[in-house]
Amino acid sequence: MQIEIVKKNVKQINIRVKPNCEVILTAPPKTTDAHIEHVIKKRTEWIDKKIAFYKEHQPQKPKEYVSGENFRYLGRNYRLKVIESSEEGVKLQRGYLQVFISDTTNFERKKRLIKAWYLAKAEIHFLKAVEKYKPVVKKEIANIRIREMKTRWGSCNPAKGYINLNSELIRKPTGCIEYVIFHELAHLVHADHSSKFYNYLSLFMPDWKRRKMRLEKISL
């Protein structure tokens, strides 16, 4: 982690993380290097979280759906390979995300095919995780919806037993997927984010903090 240290006429040390992930520390002129290092050590977790947030929310270059582009699936990157074929579909094989399409220049068709493939995979992996943790919560799940969500990975309506999951979550590692799903299922037991809720998470998923950190650090 690179930190730019600037000494100038300020009253106290201040650390700022810019949207481009640049970290700047300003300190009074007489501040010792040892004290600066101490402050950085204390704020490392906060700095890492801010960097992870900005990386996660940086505008992504729009996909062109051409061979060679990277597509993330279950935490791994796969190169896209567009293949002309009368039988259309998407397959993950030989280390590539292969799109078979009759017109390789049809942008919207390639986009729809890949989106449908992601959604189908999401249904498989998300429901598998739900089945894994449903016996733990022992609560009725009325409905599970997988859809695009702009600001969160999942949500829960404890009163109705509804679970909403972000379709983009399929791009994350399996452990992260399980964390989000168990987090939402746990709200059927403890509706808010109280200490009881987090104790419950820790009881049945002791490494949930590590999974959450990985979820936040890995960009789509």
C-alpha atoms as a PDB file:
ATOM      1  CA  MET A   1       0.000   0.000   0.000  1.00  0.00           C
ATOM      2  CA  GLN A   2       1.499   3.296  -1.154  1.00  0.00           C
ATOM      3  CA  ILE A   3       0.842   6.306   1.093  1.00  0.00           C
ATOM      4  CA  GLU A   4       1.856   9.854   0.165  1.00  0.00           C
ATOM      5  CA  ILE A   5       3.006  11.668   3.302  1.00  0.00           C
ATOM      6  CA  VAL A   6       2.697  15.458   3.322  1.00  0.00           C
ATOM      7  CA  LYS A   7       3.901  17.611   6.221  1.00  0.00           C
ATOM      8  CA  LYS A   8       2.324  21.043   6.421  1.00  0.00           C
ATOM      9  CA  ASN A   9       0.761  23.476   8.866  1.00  0.00           C
ATOM     10  CA  VAL A  10      -2.111  21.365  10.174  1.00  0.00           C
ATOM     11  CA  LYS A  11      -3.088  20.699  13.798  1.00  0.00           C
ATOM     12  CA  GLN A  12      -3.345  16.915  13.587  1.00  0.00           C
ATOM     13  CA  ILE A  13      -2.679  13.918  11.359  1.00  0.00           C
ATOM     14  CA  ASN A  14      -5.286  13.276   8.711  1.00  0.00           C
ATOM     15  CA  ILE A  15      -5.556  10.352   6.285  1.00  0.00           C
ATOM     16  CA  ARG A  16      -7.584  10.671   3.103  1.00  0.00           C
ATOM     17  CA  VAL A  17      -8.370   7.977   0.533  1.00  0.00           C
ATOM     18  CA  LYS A  18      -9.280   9.445  -2.851  1.00  0.00           C
ATOM     19  CA  PRO A  19     -11.718   7.781  -5.268  1.00  0.00           C
ATOM     20  CA  ASN A  20      -8.773   6.756  -7.466  1.00  0.00           C
ATOM     21  CA  CYS A  21      -7.517   4.790  -4.394  1.00  0.00           C
ATOM     22  CA  GLU A  22      -4.643   7.209  -3.766  1.00  0.00           C
ATOM     23  CA  VAL A  23      -3.892   7.481  -0.031  1.00  0.00           C
ATOM     24  CA  ILE A  24      -2.622  10.800   1.347  1.00  0.00           C
ATOM     25  CA  LEU A  25      -1.507  11.434   4.933  1.00  0.00           C
ATOM     26  CA  THR A  26      -1.036  14.996   6.099  1.00  0.00           C
ATOM     27  CA  ALA A  27       0.763  15.713   9.354  1.00  0.00           C
ATOM     28  CA  PRO A  28       2.175  18.672  11.320  1.00  0.00           C
ATOM     29  CA  PRO A  29       5.792  19.502  10.379  1.00  0.00           C
ATOM     30  CA  LYS A  30       7.309  18.195  13.631  1.00  0.00           C
ATOM     31  CA  THR A  31       5.550  14.806  13.566  1.00  0.00           C
ATOM     32  CA  THR A  32       8.049  11.961  13.916  1.00  0.00           C
ATOM     33  CA  ASP A  33       8.237   9.099  11.442  1.00  0.00           C
ATOM     34  CA  ALA A  34       7.619   6.662  14.302  1.00  0.00           C
ATOM     35  CA  HIS A  35       4.347   8.376  15.206  1.00  0.00           C
ATOM     36  CA  ILE A  36       3.245   8.431  11.572  1.00  0.00           C
ATOM     37  CA  GLU A  37       3.919   4.707  11.283  1.00  0.00           C
ATOM     38  CA  HIS A  38       1.930   4.139  14.485  1.00  0.00           C
ATOM     39  CA  VAL A  39      -1.063   6.044  13.109  1.00  0.00           C
ATOM     40  CA  ILE A  40      -0.913   4.198   9.778  1.00  0.00           C
ATOM     41  CA  LYS A  41      -0.839   0.856  11.584  1.00  0.00           C
ATOM     42  CA  LYS A  42      -3.915   1.814  13.606  1.00  0.00           C
ATOM     43  CA  ARG A  43      -5.815   2.973  10.503  1.00  0.00           C
ATOM     44  CA  THR A  44      -4.762   0.175   8.115  1.00  0.00           C
ATOM     45  CA  GLU A  45      -8.089  -1.655   8.356  1.00  0.00           C
ATOM     46  CA  TRP A  46     -10.021   1.555   7.674  1.00  0.00           C
ATOM     47  CA  ILE A  47      -7.758   2.394   4.726  1.00  0.00           C
ATOM     48  CA  ASP A  48      -8.206  -1.110   3.257  1.00  0.00           C
ATOM     49  CA  LYS A  49     -11.978  -0.821   3.554  1.00  0.00           C
ATOM     50  CA  LYS A  50     -12.038   2.556   1.811  1.00  0.00           C
ATOM     51  CA  ILE A  51      -9.841   1.272  -1.014  1.00  0.00           C
ATOM     52  CA  ALA A  52     -12.031  -1.828  -1.385  1.00  0.00           C
ATOM     53  CA  PHE A  53     -15.142   0.373  -1.513  1.00  0.00           C
ATOM     54  CA  TYR A  54     -13.752   2.629  -4.226  1.00  0.00           C
ATOM     55  CA  LYS A  55     -12.499  -0.325  -6.264  1.00  0.00           C
ATOM     56  CA  GLU A  56     -15.919  -1.944  -6.012  1.00  0.00           C
ATOM     57  CA  HIS A  57     -17.732   1.191  -7.120  1.00  0.00           C
ATOM     58  CA  GLN A  58     -15.384   2.474  -9.781  1.00  0.00           C
ATOM     59  CA  PRO A  59     -17.195   2.784 -13.115  1.00  0.00           C
ATOM     60  CA  GLN A  60     -16.414  -0.229 -15.233  1.00  0.00           C
ATOM     61  CA  LYS A  61     -15.607   0.026 -18.904  1.00  0.00           C
ATOM     62  CA  PRO A  62     -18.708  -1.152 -20.804  1.00  0.00           C
ATOM     63  CA  LYS A  63     -18.381  -4.643 -22.208  1.00  0.00           C
ATOM     64  CA  GLU A  64     -18.113  -4.953 -25.973  1.00  0.00           C
ATOM     65  CA  TYR A  65     -18.726  -8.736 -25.950  1.00  0.00           C
ATOM     66  CA  VAL A  66     -15.778  -9.525 -28.178  1.00  0.00           C
ATOM     67  CA  SER A  67     -13.244 -12.332 -27.915  1.00  0.00           C
ATOM     68  CA  GLY A  68     -10.542 -11.680 -25.340  1.00  0.00           C
ATOM     69  CA  GLU A  69     -12.640  -9.744 -22.817  1.00  0.00           C
ATOM     70  CA  ASN A  70     -12.624 -10.906 -19.202  1.00  0.00           C
ATOM     71  CA  PHE A  71     -15.769 -12.195 -17.522  1.00  0.00           C
ATOM     72  CA  ARG A  72     -15.789 -13.139 -13.851  1.00  0.00           C
ATOM     73  CA  TYR A  73     -17.595 -16.248 -12.626  1.00  0.00           C
ATOM     74  CA  LEU A  74     -17.429 -17.705  -9.094  1.00  0.00           C
ATOM     75  CA  GLY A  75     -14.450 -15.491  -8.311  1.00  0.00           C
ATOM     76  CA  ARG A  76     -12.355 -16.395 -11.355  1.00  0.00           C
ATOM     77  CA  ASN A  77     -11.710 -14.539 -14.601  1.00  0.00           C
ATOM     78  CA  TYR A  78     -12.472 -16.235 -17.910  1.00  0.00           C
ATOM     79  CA  ARG A  79     -11.655 -14.956 -21.364  1.00  0.00           C
ATOM     80  CA  LEU A  80     -14.573 -14.633 -23.742  1.00  0.00           C
ATOM     81  CA  LYS A  81     -14.432 -16.552 -26.994  1.00  0.00           C
ATOM     82  CA  VAL A  82     -17.110 -15.721 -29.581  1.00  0.00           C
ATOM     83  CA  ILE A  83     -17.709 -18.636 -31.951  1.00  0.00           C
ATOM     84  CA  GLU A  84     -19.892 -18.592 -35.045  1.00  0.00           C
ATOM     85  CA  SER A  85     -22.455 -21.393 -34.847  1.00  0.00           C
ATOM     86  CA  SER A  86     -25.995 -22.152 -35.978  1.00  0.00           C
ATOM     87  CA  GLU A  87     -26.714 -23.611 -32.520  1.00  0.00           C
ATOM     88  CA  GLU A  88     -26.588 -20.714 -30.080  1.00  0.00           C
ATOM     89  CA  GLY A  89     -25.636 -20.950 -26.427  1.00  0.00           C
ATOM     90  CA  VAL A  90     -22.952 -20.360 -23.789  1.00  0.00           C
ATOM     91  CA  LYS A  91     -20.507 -22.872 -22.354  1.00  0.00           C
ATOM     92  CA  LEU A  92     -17.663 -22.688 -19.879  1.00  0.00           C
ATOM     93  CA  GLN A  93     -14.958 -24.987 -21.180  1.00  0.00           C
ATOM     94  CA  ARG A  94     -11.207 -25.171 -21.775  1.00  0.00           C
ATOM     95  CA  GLY A  95     -10.741 -22.119 -19.551  1.00  0.00           C
ATOM     96  CA  TYR A  96     -12.915 -19.904 -21.747  1.00  0.00           C
ATOM     97  CA  LEU A  97     -16.428 -18.533 -21.594  1.00  0.00           C
ATOM     98  CA  GLN A  98     -17.541 -19.585 -25.050  1.00  0.00           C
ATOM     99  CA  VAL A  99     -20.474 -17.947 -26.793  1.00  0.00           C
ATOM    100  CA  PHE A 100     -21.893 -19.762 -29.789  1.00  0.00           C
ATOM    101  CA  ILE A 101     -23.907 -17.429 -31.998  1.00  0.00           C
ATOM    102  CA  SER A 102     -25.000 -17.257 -35.619  1.00  0.00           C
ATOM    103  CA  ASP A 103     -24.087 -13.574 -36.017  1.00  0.00           C
ATOM    104  CA  THR A 104     -20.865 -12.814 -34.119  1.00  0.00           C
ATOM    105  CA  THR A 105     -21.387  -9.061 -34.614  1.00  0.00           C
ATOM    106  CA  ASN A 106     -24.808  -8.985 -32.912  1.00  0.00           C
ATOM    107  CA  PHE A 107     -23.979  -7.137 -29.682  1.00  0.00           C
ATOM    108  CA  GLU A 108     -27.437  -7.315 -28.079  1.00  0.00           C
ATOM    109  CA  ARG A 109     -27.812 -11.036 -28.804  1.00  0.00           C
ATOM    110  CA  LYS A 110     -24.430 -11.856 -27.253  1.00  0.00           C
ATOM    111  CA  LYS A 111     -25.332  -9.741 -24.229  1.00  0.00           C
ATOM    112  CA  ARG A 112     -28.671 -11.530 -23.763  1.00  0.00           C
ATOM    113  CA  LEU A 113     -27.128 -14.982 -24.145  1.00  0.00           C
ATOM    114  CA  ILE A 114     -24.470 -14.295 -21.516  1.00  0.00           C
ATOM    115  CA  LYS A 115     -26.950 -12.661 -19.136  1.00  0.00           C
ATOM    116  CA  ALA A 116     -29.258 -15.677 -19.410  1.00  0.00           C
ATOM    117  CA  TRP A 117     -26.307 -18.019 -18.768  1.00  0.00           C
ATOM    118  CA  TYR A 118     -25.299 -16.086 -15.643  1.00  0.00           C
ATOM    119  CA  LEU A 119     -28.878 -16.119 -14.357  1.00  0.00           C
ATOM    120  CA  ALA A 120     -29.210 -19.875 -14.896  1.00  0.00           C
ATOM    121  CA  LYS A 121     -25.948 -20.475 -13.016  1.00  0.00           C
ATOM    122  CA  ALA A 122     -27.060 -18.112 -10.248  1.00  0.00           C
ATOM    123  CA  GLU A 123     -30.251 -20.104  -9.727  1.00  0.00           C
ATOM    124  CA  ILE A 124     -28.232 -23.313  -9.368  1.00  0.00           C
ATOM    125  CA  HIS A 125     -25.553 -22.016  -7.006  1.00  0.00           C
ATOM    126  CA  PHE A 126     -27.761 -19.717  -4.920  1.00  0.00           C
ATOM    127  CA  LEU A 127     -30.406 -22.391  -4.307  1.00  0.00           C
ATOM    128  CA  LYS A 128     -27.670 -24.878  -3.434  1.00  0.00           C
ATOM    129  CA  ALA A 129     -26.438 -22.484  -0.738  1.00  0.00           C
ATOM    130  CA  VAL A 130     -29.996 -21.913   0.487  1.00  0.00           C
ATOM    131  CA  GLU A 131     -30.528 -25.662   0.846  1.00  0.00           C
ATOM    132  CA  LYS A 132     -27.248 -25.910   2.753  1.00  0.00           C
ATOM    133  CA  TYR A 133     -28.235 -23.334   5.378  1.00  0.00           C
ATOM    134  CA  LYS A 134     -32.006 -23.751   5.486  1.00  0.00           C
ATOM    135  CA  PRO A 135     -31.747 -26.604   8.039  1.00  0.00           C
ATOM    136  CA  VAL A 136     -29.693 -24.261  10.239  1.00  0.00           C
ATOM    137  CA  VAL A 137     -32.209 -21.415  10.427  1.00  0.00           C
ATOM    138  CA  LYS A 138     -35.229 -23.761  10.517  1.00  0.00           C
ATOM    139  CA  LYS A 139     -37.539 -21.040   9.238  1.00  0.00           C
ATOM    140  CA  GLU A 140     -40.058 -21.001   6.430  1.00  0.00           C
ATOM    141  CA  ILE A 141     -38.801 -19.324   3.235  1.00  0.00           C
ATOM    142  CA  ALA A 142     -41.792 -18.090   1.280  1.00  0.00           C
ATOM    143  CA  ASN A 143     -39.998 -16.782  -1.799  1.00  0.00           C
ATOM    144  CA  ILE A 144     -36.483 -16.344  -3.196  1.00  0.00           C
ATOM    145  CA  ARG A 145     -35.981 -13.814  -5.963  1.00  0.00           C
ATOM    146  CA  ILE A 146     -32.806 -13.369  -7.998  1.00  0.00           C
ATOM    147  CA  ARG A 147     -32.593  -9.995  -9.693  1.00  0.00           C
ATOM    148  CA  GLU A 148     -30.315  -7.061 -10.424  1.00  0.00           C
ATOM    149  CA  MET A 149     -29.774  -4.886  -7.352  1.00  0.00           C
ATOM    150  CA  LYS A 150     -27.812  -1.627  -7.489  1.00  0.00           C
ATOM    151  CA  THR A 151     -26.859  -1.047  -3.854  1.00  0.00           C
ATOM    152  CA  ARG A 152     -26.775  -4.387  -2.034  1.00  0.00           C
ATOM    153  CA  TRP A 153     -25.969  -8.068  -2.443  1.00  0.00           C
ATOM    154  CA  GLY A 154     -29.138  -9.275  -0.795  1.00  0.00           C
ATOM    155  CA  SER A 155     -32.104  -8.351   1.369  1.00  0.00           C
ATOM    156  CA  CYS A 156     -34.628 -10.088   3.583  1.00  0.00           C
ATOM    157  CA  ASN A 157     -38.208  -9.419   4.635  1.00  0.00           C
ATOM    158  CA  PRO A 158     -38.461 -11.461   7.861  1.00  0.00           C
ATOM    159  CA  ALA A 159     -42.191 -10.850   8.271  1.00  0.00           C
ATOM    160  CA  LYS A 160     -43.041 -12.299   4.849  1.00  0.00           C
ATOM    161  CA  GLY A 161     -40.136 -14.737   4.552  1.00  0.00           C
ATOM    162  CA  TYR A 162     -38.914 -13.149   1.320  1.00  0.00           C
ATOM    163  CA  ILE A 163     -35.246 -13.302   0.295  1.00  0.00           C
ATOM    164  CA  ASN A 164     -33.854 -11.145  -2.535  1.00  0.00           C
ATOM    165  CA  LEU A 165     -30.443 -11.917  -4.023  1.00  0.00           C
ATOM    166  CA  ASN A 166     -28.378  -9.832  -6.423  1.00  0.00           C
ATOM    167  CA  SER A 167     -27.807 -11.742  -9.671  1.00  0.00           C
ATOM    168  CA  GLU A 168     -24.307 -10.201  -9.896  1.00  0.00           C
ATOM    169  CA  LEU A 169     -23.326 -12.211  -6.830  1.00  0.00           C
ATOM    170  CA  ILE A 170     -22.677 -15.197  -9.132  1.00  0.00           C
ATOM    171  CA  ARG A 171     -19.439 -13.487 -10.155  1.00  0.00           C
ATOM    172  CA  LYS A 172     -18.105 -13.768  -6.583  1.00  0.00           C
ATOM    173  CA  PRO A 173     -16.361 -16.786  -4.972  1.00  0.00           C
ATOM    174  CA  THR A 174     -18.574 -19.549  -3.578  1.00  0.00           C
ATOM    175  CA  GLY A 175     -17.607 -18.716   0.007  1.00  0.00           C
ATOM    176  CA  CYS A 176     -18.789 -15.128  -0.495  1.00  0.00           C
ATOM    177  CA  ILE A 177     -22.056 -16.307  -2.034  1.00  0.00           C
ATOM    178  CA  GLU A 178     -22.680 -18.545   0.967  1.00  0.00           C
ATOM    179  CA  TYR A 179     -21.923 -15.666   3.344  1.00  0.00           C
ATOM    180  CA  VAL A 180     -24.465 -13.328   1.711  1.00  0.00           C
ATOM    181  CA  ILE A 181     -27.141 -16.000   1.591  1.00  0.00           C
ATOM    182  CA  PHE A 182     -26.629 -17.142   5.170  1.00  0.00           C
ATOM    183  CA  HIS A 183     -26.565 -13.479   6.260  1.00  0.00           C
ATOM    184  CA  GLU A 184     -30.008 -12.948   4.728  1.00  0.00           C
ATOM    185  CA  LEU A 185     -31.394 -16.248   6.005  1.00  0.00           C
ATOM    186  CA  ALA A 186     -30.142 -15.358   9.487  1.00  0.00           C
ATOM    187  CA  HIS A 187     -32.453 -12.336   9.420  1.00  0.00           C
ATOM    188  CA  LEU A 188     -35.356 -14.775   9.549  1.00  0.00           C
ATOM    189  CA  VAL A 189     -34.085 -15.594  13.039  1.00  0.00           C
ATOM    190  CA  HIS A 190     -32.821 -12.145  14.094  1.00  0.00           C
ATOM    191  CA  ALA A 191     -34.425  -9.364  12.048  1.00  0.00           C
ATOM    192  CA  ASP A 192     -31.966  -6.574  12.873  1.00  0.00           C
ATOM    193  CA  HIS A 193     -28.182  -6.246  13.049  1.00  0.00           C
ATOM    194  CA  SER A 194     -28.039  -6.664  16.805  1.00  0.00           C
ATOM    195  CA  SER A 195     -25.288  -8.405  18.754  1.00  0.00           C
ATOM    196  CA  LYS A 196     -27.522 -11.485  18.811  1.00  0.00           C
ATOM    197  CA  PHE A 197     -27.551 -11.491  15.024  1.00  0.00           C
ATOM    198  CA  TYR A 198     -23.742 -11.357  14.757  1.00  0.00           C
ATOM    199  CA  ASN A 199     -23.331 -13.943  17.506  1.00  0.00           C
ATOM    200  CA  TYR A 200     -25.641 -16.182  15.507  1.00  0.00           C
ATOM    201  CA  LEU A 201     -23.539 -15.660  12.366  1.00  0.00           C
ATOM    202  CA  SER A 202     -20.367 -16.455  14.265  1.00  0.00           C
ATOM    203  CA  LEU A 203     -21.862 -19.600  15.749  1.00  0.00           C
ATOM    204  CA  PHE A 204     -22.798 -21.197  12.439  1.00  0.00           C
ATOM    205  CA  MET A 205     -20.262 -19.475  10.157  1.00  0.00           C
ATOM    206  CA  PRO A 206     -17.193 -18.704  12.283  1.00  0.00           C
ATOM    207  CA  ASP A 207     -15.236 -17.261   9.345  1.00  0.00           C
ATOM    208  CA  TRP A 208     -17.975 -14.893   8.147  1.00  0.00           C
ATOM    209  CA  LYS A 209     -15.753 -11.821   8.648  1.00  0.00           C
ATOM    210  CA  ARG A 210     -13.085 -13.258   6.353  1.00  0.00           C
ATOM    211  CA  ARG A 211     -15.722 -14.077   3.733  1.00  0.00           C
ATOM    212  CA  LYS A 212     -17.195 -10.582   4.002  1.00  0.00           C
ATOM    213  CA  MET A 213     -13.767  -8.998   3.614  1.00  0.00           C
ATOM    214  CA  ARG A 214     -13.099 -11.098   0.516  1.00  0.00           C
ATOM    215  CA  LEU A 215     -16.480 -10.140  -0.894  1.00  0.00           C
ATOM    216  CA  GLU A 216     -15.635  -6.458  -0.510  1.00  0.00           C
ATOM    217  CA  LYS A 217     -12.104  -6.746  -1.892  1.00  0.00           C
ATOM    218  CA  ILE A 218     -12.802  -8.700  -5.075  1.00  0.00           C
ATOM    219  CA  SER A 219     -14.198  -6.424  -7.769  1.00  0.00           C
ATOM    220  CA  LEU A 220     -16.570  -7.673 -10.426  1.00  0.00           C
END
